[in-house]
Amino acid sequence: MRHGIVQHTALAAVGLLAVVGLAGCSADTTPPVGTVSPSSSPRASGDPSSAVPTSNAGSAAATPASGAGGGSAAGDGRCTTASLAGGTAAGSGGAAGSTIIHLTLRNTGSAACTLQGWPGVSFVGDGDGAQIGAAAGQDRSSAHPTVTLQPGQTAVAPLKIANAQDYPPSECTPTAADGFRVYPPGSTASLFVPASGYTACASASAALLQVQGLVPEGQATD
């Protein structure tokens, strides 16, 4: 009888230990309070998508480049088309068969700006600014310094114009011009410079125009 009681007590003790062991295993699967499971952990600090913008983020993009916004110069200091007024002035007169005039570009802005190189030039007509014939060739041997224009100052580019009458009509197709389309160096926007009394050739094979580089007013040597 006593032997049965001892055996029963031993079995009960084993069962209790098993229950305690199972309870301990289940407790190990629950993270302590305050821990974060890997699936919900925040991104590493080096991950750009987790970065928190600072108060000055984007400030560089919002700051205008030097000289921009005043209608006077591009970010690199070049004169913009919007800050220039185009015109013509008398040149040396030219030789037989051609005329030389000066194209002028005056800084109408409020700050200094620069021009360097050859302007793009062509005849226009038909009352709508349509280009007539070939654009001007560039006299690459001519002086082409960087010209700094203070407000109100002018740069000039000598323009040689051949006589359309010297070409057979079949090769020229003479057409009255209203003036010139002028692109300042480095610009994709143009100026219309009115000029009457010129005859252009509609045929692109009859190249009438040749332009020199821009120089300060008074320094052209055409």
Foldseek 3Di string as FASTA:
>chain_A
DVVVVVVVVVVVVVVVVVVVVVVVVVVVVDDDPPDDDPVPDDDPPPDVVRDDDDPCPPVVVVDDAPPPPQQAADSVQAGAPSQWDWEKAADPQDDPQKGKIKIKIAGQTQAKGKAWWWKWKFFADPVPRHGAAAIAAEPVVFDTDIDIHGHGFMKIKIKMFGALVVDPCVQFVKDFTQAMWIGGPPYPDTDGYGDGDHIGGNHNVDHGMYIYHIDGPPPDDD
